[in-house]
């Protein structure tokens, strides 16, 4: 069974603000599952987030 994380959990894991995680979701860069008003990020999508963050860090 796949694991899912909340926006707050992902923000804490990657030391980001929750608003930044929401921006990535709304921009379509971080896939998520919406369950009613709840947003969950599948564990298997986190490597994609790591790639996005690494690319952003390299551009600075």
Protein backbone atom coordinates (compact mmCIF):
# COMPACT_ATOMS: atom_id res chain seq x y z
CA UNK A 1 0.00 0.00 0.00
CA UNK A 2 1.47 3.38 -0.98
CA UNK A 3 2.33 5.92 1.68
CA UNK A 4 1.04 9.48 1.53
CA UNK A 5 2.29 12.62 3.25
CA UNK A 6 0.55 15.86 4.17
CA UNK A 7 1.79 19.20 2.89
CA UNK A 8 3.06 19.96 6.41
CA UNK A 9 5.03 16.70 6.54
CA UNK A 10 6.65 17.32 3.15
CA UNK A 11 7.50 20.91 4.14
CA UNK A 12 9.13 19.67 7.34
CA UNK A 13 11.07 16.89 5.59
CA UNK A 14 12.56 19.27 3.02
CA UNK A 15 12.79 22.34 5.28
CA UNK A 16 10.38 24.34 3.14
CA UNK A 17 7.48 26.58 3.98
CA UNK A 18 4.07 25.01 3.47
CA UNK A 19 3.24 27.84 1.07
CA UNK A 20 6.16 26.79 -1.14
CA UNK A 21 4.87 23.21 -1.28
CA UNK A 22 1.40 24.52 -2.22
CA UNK A 23 2.97 26.65 -4.99
CA UNK A 24 4.73 23.58 -6.41
CA UNK A 25 1.44 21.65 -6.33
CA UNK A 26 -0.52 24.48 -7.99
CA UNK A 27 2.17 24.86 -10.67
CA UNK A 28 1.87 21.15 -11.47
CA UNK A 29 5.46 20.43 -10.44
CA UNK A 30 4.54 18.26 -7.47
CA UNK A 31 1.82 15.68 -8.17
CA UNK A 32 -0.69 15.17 -5.41
CA UNK A 33 -3.91 13.40 -4.59
CA UNK A 34 -6.89 15.45 -3.48
CA UNK A 35 -9.28 13.74 -1.10
CA UNK A 36 -12.10 16.20 -0.68
CA UNK A 37 -10.41 19.25 0.81
CA UNK A 38 -7.32 17.30 1.85
CA UNK A 39 -4.12 17.18 -0.20
CA UNK A 40 -1.75 14.25 0.07
CA UNK A 41 1.56 13.71 -1.69
CA UNK A 42 2.38 10.11 -2.65
CA UNK A 43 5.74 8.87 -1.40
CA UNK A 44 6.75 7.79 -4.90
CA UNK A 45 6.51 11.42 -6.11
CA UNK A 46 9.05 12.75 -3.59
CA UNK A 47 12.11 11.95 -5.76
CA UNK A 48 10.64 14.37 -8.32
CA UNK A 49 10.52 17.06 -5.64
CA UNK A 50 14.15 16.36 -4.79
CA UNK A 51 15.07 16.90 -8.45
CA UNK A 52 13.15 20.19 -8.58
CA UNK A 53 14.83 21.45 -5.42
CA UNK A 54 18.29 20.39 -6.63
CA UNK A 55 17.77 22.15 -9.97
CA UNK A 56 16.63 25.34 -8.20
CA UNK A 57 19.67 25.21 -5.92
CA UNK A 58 22.05 24.82 -8.88
CA UNK A 59 20.49 27.82 -10.66
CA UNK A 60 21.30 30.13 -7.73
